[in-house]
Amino acid sequence: MERYHSANLRRLGAKEDRLVLLGAFDPEPSLDVGLIDPVEFGQDTYAEVFARIE
């Protein structure tokens, strides 16, 4: 889930303690735990996001 998705879920009434960005599970976290949706950014971005998820 990226920040855009979590913002929409908050507006729909989701409780804050139930929302976690996917990047928060990264064993080597960076400052930005959000992941972008790679669909609009091409193959290189898709590969980068996929590598972070794996």
PDB file of N, CA and C in Angstrom:
ATOM      1  N   MET A   1       0.861  -1.171   0.000  1.00  0.00           N
ATOM      2  CA  MET A   1       0.000   0.000   0.000  1.00  0.00           C
ATOM      3  C   MET A   1       0.900   1.224   0.000  1.00  0.00           C
ATOM      4  N   GLU A   2       0.495   2.195  -0.747  1.00  0.00           N
ATOM      5  CA  GLU A   2       1.246   3.442  -0.758  1.00  0.00           C
ATOM      6  C   GLU A   2       0.456   4.516  -0.010  1.00  0.00           C
ATOM      7  N   ARG A   3       1.055   5.668   0.173  1.00  0.00           N
ATOM      8  CA  ARG A   3       0.412   6.741   0.949  1.00  0.00           C
ATOM      9  C   ARG A   3      -0.943   7.155   0.373  1.00  0.00           C
ATOM     10  N   TYR A   4      -1.057   7.146  -0.933  1.00  0.00           N
ATOM     11  CA  TYR A   4      -2.331   7.506  -1.572  1.00  0.00           C
ATOM     12  C   TYR A   4      -3.443   6.555  -1.121  1.00  0.00           C
ATOM     13  N   HIS A   5      -3.145   5.270  -1.099  1.00  0.00           N
ATOM     14  CA  HIS A   5      -4.145   4.289  -0.687  1.00  0.00           C
ATOM     15  C   HIS A   5      -4.517   4.458   0.780  1.00  0.00           C
ATOM     16  N   SER A   6      -3.521   4.663   1.624  1.00  0.00           N
ATOM     17  CA  SER A   6      -3.818   4.805   3.045  1.00  0.00           C
ATOM     18  C   SER A   6      -4.635   6.069   3.322  1.00  0.00           C
ATOM     19  N   ALA A   7      -4.378   7.130   2.582  1.00  0.00           N
ATOM     20  CA  ALA A   7      -5.171   8.360   2.751  1.00  0.00           C
ATOM     21  C   ALA A   7      -6.630   8.110   2.383  1.00  0.00           C
ATOM     22  N   ASN A   8      -6.855   7.383   1.302  1.00  0.00           N
ATOM     23  CA  ASN A   8      -8.234   7.058   0.912  1.00  0.00           C
ATOM     24  C   ASN A   8      -8.909   6.190   1.963  1.00  0.00           C
ATOM     25  N   LEU A   9      -8.195   5.225   2.497  1.00  0.00           N
ATOM     26  CA  LEU A   9      -8.777   4.362   3.524  1.00  0.00           C
ATOM     27  C   LEU A   9      -9.115   5.142   4.790  1.00  0.00           C
ATOM     28  N   ARG A  10      -8.271   6.118   5.145  1.00  0.00           N
ATOM     29  CA  ARG A  10      -8.581   6.973   6.305  1.00  0.00           C
ATOM     30  C   ARG A  10      -9.872   7.750   6.082  1.00  0.00           C
ATOM     31  N   ARG A  11     -10.016   8.287   4.876  1.00  0.00           N
ATOM     32  CA  ARG A  11     -11.238   9.042   4.567  1.00  0.00           C
ATOM     33  C   ARG A  11     -12.473   8.150   4.643  1.00  0.00           C
ATOM     34  N   LEU A  12     -12.294   6.868   4.362  1.00  0.00           N
ATOM     35  CA  LEU A  12     -13.410   5.925   4.428  1.00  0.00           C
ATOM     36  C   LEU A  12     -13.656   5.403   5.839  1.00  0.00           C
ATOM     37  N   GLY A  13     -12.828   5.834   6.794  1.00  0.00           N
ATOM     38  CA  GLY A  13     -13.053   5.489   8.186  1.00  0.00           C
ATOM     39  C   GLY A  13     -12.156   4.411   8.756  1.00  0.00           C
ATOM     40  N   ALA A  14     -11.133   3.996   8.030  1.00  0.00           N
ATOM     41  CA  ALA A  14     -10.210   2.988   8.565  1.00  0.00           C
ATOM     42  C   ALA A  14      -9.473   3.552   9.767  1.00  0.00           C
ATOM     43  N   LYS A  15      -9.258   2.702  10.746  1.00  0.00           N
ATOM     44  CA  LYS A  15      -8.536   3.129  11.942  1.00  0.00           C
ATOM     45  C   LYS A  15      -7.038   3.211  11.648  1.00  0.00           C
ATOM     46  N   GLU A  16      -6.424   4.258  12.147  1.00  0.00           N
ATOM     47  CA  GLU A  16      -5.009   4.525  11.895  1.00  0.00           C
ATOM     48  C   GLU A  16      -4.120   3.347  12.307  1.00  0.00           C
ATOM     49  N   ASP A  17      -4.434   2.710  13.430  1.00  0.00           N
ATOM     50  CA  ASP A  17      -3.588   1.610  13.906  1.00  0.00           C
ATOM     51  C   ASP A  17      -3.726   0.341  13.068  1.00  0.00           C
ATOM     52  N   ARG A  18      -4.634   0.343  12.097  1.00  0.00           N
ATOM     53  CA  ARG A  18      -4.821  -0.816  11.217  1.00  0.00           C
ATOM     54  C   ARG A  18      -4.156  -0.624   9.855  1.00  0.00           C
ATOM     55  N   LEU A  19      -3.581   0.549   9.622  1.00  0.00           N
ATOM     56  CA  LEU A  19      -2.966   0.858   8.329  1.00  0.00           C
ATOM     57  C   LEU A  19      -1.446   0.822   8.441  1.00  0.00           C
ATOM     58  N   VAL A  20      -0.813   0.046   7.573  1.00  0.00           N
ATOM     59  CA  VAL A  20       0.642  -0.056   7.562  1.00  0.00           C
ATOM     60  C   VAL A  20       1.103  -0.033   6.107  1.00  0.00           C
ATOM     61  N   LEU A  21       2.055   0.828   5.813  1.00  0.00           N
ATOM     62  CA  LEU A  21       2.613   0.860   4.467  1.00  0.00           C
ATOM     63  C   LEU A  21       3.470  -0.377   4.245  1.00  0.00           C
ATOM     64  N   LEU A  22       3.415  -0.939   3.062  1.00  0.00           N
ATOM     65  CA  LEU A  22       4.148  -2.155   2.746  1.00  0.00           C
ATOM     66  C   LEU A  22       5.646  -2.012   3.012  1.00  0.00           C
ATOM     67  N   GLY A  23       6.195  -0.860   2.717  1.00  0.00           N
ATOM     68  CA  GLY A  23       7.616  -0.628   2.939  1.00  0.00           C
ATOM     69  C   GLY A  23       8.030  -0.701   4.403  1.00  0.00           C
ATOM     70  N   ALA A  24       7.082  -0.630   5.323  1.00  0.00           N
ATOM     71  CA  ALA A  24       7.392  -0.720   6.750  1.00  0.00           C
ATOM     72  C   ALA A  24       7.898  -2.111   7.129  1.00  0.00           C
ATOM     73  N   PHE A  25       7.661  -3.107   6.283  1.00  0.00           N
ATOM     74  CA  PHE A  25       8.114  -4.474   6.549  1.00  0.00           C
ATOM     75  C   PHE A  25       9.493  -4.750   5.961  1.00  0.00           C
ATOM     76  N   ASP A  26      10.107  -3.760   5.354  1.00  0.00           N
ATOM     77  CA  ASP A  26      11.414  -3.910   4.734  1.00  0.00           C
ATOM     78  C   ASP A  26      12.473  -4.162   5.812  1.00  0.00           C
ATOM     79  N   PRO A  27      13.247  -5.272   5.721  1.00  0.00           N
ATOM     80  CA  PRO A  27      14.263  -5.537   6.740  1.00  0.00           C
ATOM     81  C   PRO A  27      15.416  -4.530   6.713  1.00  0.00           C
ATOM     82  N   GLU A  28      15.562  -3.799   5.610  1.00  0.00           N
ATOM     83  CA  GLU A  28      16.566  -2.739   5.500  1.00  0.00           C
ATOM     84  C   GLU A  28      15.847  -1.432   5.184  1.00  0.00           C
ATOM     85  N   PRO A  29      15.129  -0.897   6.159  1.00  0.00           N
ATOM     86  CA  PRO A  29      14.265   0.252   5.887  1.00  0.00           C
ATOM     87  C   PRO A  29      15.032   1.505   5.479  1.00  0.00           C
ATOM     88  N   SER A  30      14.380   2.279   4.644  1.00  0.00           N
ATOM     89  CA  SER A  30      14.901   3.593   4.278  1.00  0.00           C
ATOM     90  C   SER A  30      14.022   4.633   4.970  1.00  0.00           C
ATOM     91  N   LEU A  31      14.313   5.887   4.753  1.00  0.00           N
ATOM     92  CA  LEU A  31      13.497   6.934   5.365  1.00  0.00           C
ATOM     93  C   LEU A  31      12.087   6.935   4.808  1.00  0.00           C
ATOM     94  N   ASP A  32      11.928   6.532   3.559  1.00  0.00           N
ATOM     95  CA  ASP A  32      10.613   6.518   2.921  1.00  0.00           C
ATOM     96  C   ASP A  32      10.090   5.096   2.869  1.00  0.00           C
ATOM     97  N   VAL A  33       9.107   4.778   3.703  1.00  0.00           N
ATOM     98  CA  VAL A  33       8.555   3.419   3.724  1.00  0.00           C
ATOM     99  C   VAL A  33       7.435   3.232   2.712  1.00  0.00           C
ATOM    100  N   GLY A  34       7.061   4.292   2.031  1.00  0.00           N
ATOM    101  CA  GLY A  34       6.019   4.183   1.019  1.00  0.00           C
ATOM    102  C   GLY A  34       6.562   3.602  -0.275  1.00  0.00           C
ATOM    103  N   LEU A  35       5.714   2.932  -1.006  1.00  0.00           N
ATOM    104  CA  LEU A  35       6.057   2.416  -2.330  1.00  0.00           C
ATOM    105  C   LEU A  35       5.192   3.132  -3.347  1.00  0.00           C
ATOM    106  N   ILE A  36       5.773   3.471  -4.475  1.00  0.00           N
ATOM    107  CA  ILE A  36       4.977   4.107  -5.512  1.00  0.00           C
ATOM    108  C   ILE A  36       4.320   3.033  -6.367  1.00  0.00           C
ATOM    109  N   ASP A  37       3.250   3.385  -7.014  1.00  0.00           N
ATOM    110  CA  ASP A  37       2.592   2.478  -7.949  1.00  0.00           C
ATOM    111  C   ASP A  37       3.376   2.545  -9.251  1.00  0.00           C
ATOM    112  N   PRO A  38       4.043   1.455  -9.644  1.00  0.00           N
ATOM    113  CA  PRO A  38       4.945   1.500 -10.795  1.00  0.00           C
ATOM    114  C   PRO A  38       4.265   1.493 -12.157  1.00  0.00           C
ATOM    115  N   VAL A  39       2.968   1.332 -12.203  1.00  0.00           N
ATOM    116  CA  VAL A  39       2.260   1.173 -13.469  1.00  0.00           C
ATOM    117  C   VAL A  39       2.529   2.319 -14.438  1.00  0.00           C
ATOM    118  N   GLU A  40       2.575   3.528 -13.945  1.00  0.00           N
ATOM    119  CA  GLU A  40       2.726   4.693 -14.818  1.00  0.00           C
ATOM    120  C   GLU A  40       4.179   5.070 -15.090  1.00  0.00           C
ATOM    121  N   PHE A  41       5.147   4.345 -14.506  1.00  0.00           N
ATOM    122  CA  PHE A  41       6.533   4.781 -14.566  1.00  0.00           C
ATOM    123  C   PHE A  41       7.465   3.886 -15.365  1.00  0.00           C
ATOM    124  N   GLY A  42       6.982   2.834 -15.944  1.00  0.00           N
ATOM    125  CA  GLY A  42       7.819   2.016 -16.805  1.00  0.00           C
ATOM    126  C   GLY A  42       8.489   0.840 -16.117  1.00  0.00           C
ATOM    127  N   GLN A  43       9.190   0.076 -16.913  1.00  0.00           N
ATOM    128  CA  GLN A  43       9.773  -1.193 -16.496  1.00  0.00           C
ATOM    129  C   GLN A  43      10.837  -1.051 -15.405  1.00  0.00           C
ATOM    130  N   ASP A  44      11.681  -0.038 -15.481  1.00  0.00           N
ATOM    131  CA  ASP A  44      12.729   0.133 -14.470  1.00  0.00           C
ATOM    132  C   ASP A  44      12.139   0.368 -13.085  1.00  0.00           C
ATOM    133  N   THR A  45      11.133   1.206 -13.007  1.00  0.00           N
ATOM    134  CA  THR A  45      10.485   1.486 -11.727  1.00  0.00           C
ATOM    135  C   THR A  45       9.774   0.248 -11.219  1.00  0.00           C
ATOM    136  N   TYR A  46       9.126  -0.483 -12.109  1.00  0.00           N
ATOM    137  CA  TYR A  46       8.458  -1.719 -11.719  1.00  0.00           C
ATOM    138  C   TYR A  46       9.479  -2.692 -11.108  1.00  0.00           C
ATOM    139  N   ALA A  47      10.618  -2.845 -11.730  1.00  0.00           N
ATOM    140  CA  ALA A  47      11.660  -3.749 -11.233  1.00  0.00           C
ATOM    141  C   ALA A  47      12.150  -3.310  -9.847  1.00  0.00           C
ATOM    142  N   GLU A  48      12.313  -2.006  -9.650  1.00  0.00           N
ATOM    143  CA  GLU A  48      12.763  -1.475  -8.360  1.00  0.00           C
ATOM    144  C   GLU A  48      11.746  -1.757  -7.261  1.00  0.00           C
ATOM    145  N   VAL A  49      10.475  -1.497  -7.541  1.00  0.00           N
ATOM    146  CA  VAL A  49       9.419  -1.739  -6.539  1.00  0.00           C
ATOM    147  C   VAL A  49       9.304  -3.232  -6.267  1.00  0.00           C
ATOM    148  N   PHE A  50       9.371  -4.054  -7.297  1.00  0.00           N
ATOM    149  CA  PHE A  50       9.289  -5.497  -7.125  1.00  0.00           C
ATOM    150  C   PHE A  50      10.434  -6.010  -6.249  1.00  0.00           C
ATOM    151  N   ALA A  51      11.630  -5.479  -6.460  1.00  0.00           N
ATOM    152  CA  ALA A  51      12.791  -5.882  -5.658  1.00  0.00           C
ATOM    153  C   ALA A  51      12.593  -5.527  -4.190  1.00  0.00           C
ATOM    154  N   ARG A  52      12.005  -4.383  -3.910  1.00  0.00           N
ATOM    155  CA  ARG A  52      11.744  -3.997  -2.516  1.00  0.00           C
ATOM    156  C   ARG A  52      10.719  -4.919  -1.871  1.00  0.00           C
ATOM    157  N   ILE A  53       9.729  -5.359  -2.652  1.00  0.00           N
ATOM    158  CA  ILE A  53       8.696  -6.239  -2.104  1.00  0.00           C
ATOM    159  C   ILE A  53       9.252  -7.628  -1.811  1.00  0.00           C
ATOM    160  N   GLU A  54      10.111  -8.113  -2.717  1.00  0.00           N
ATOM    161  CA  GLU A  54      10.695  -9.442  -2.504  1.00  0.00           C
ATOM    162  C   GLU A  54      11.502  -9.453  -1.234  1.00  0.00           C
TER     163      GLU A  54
END
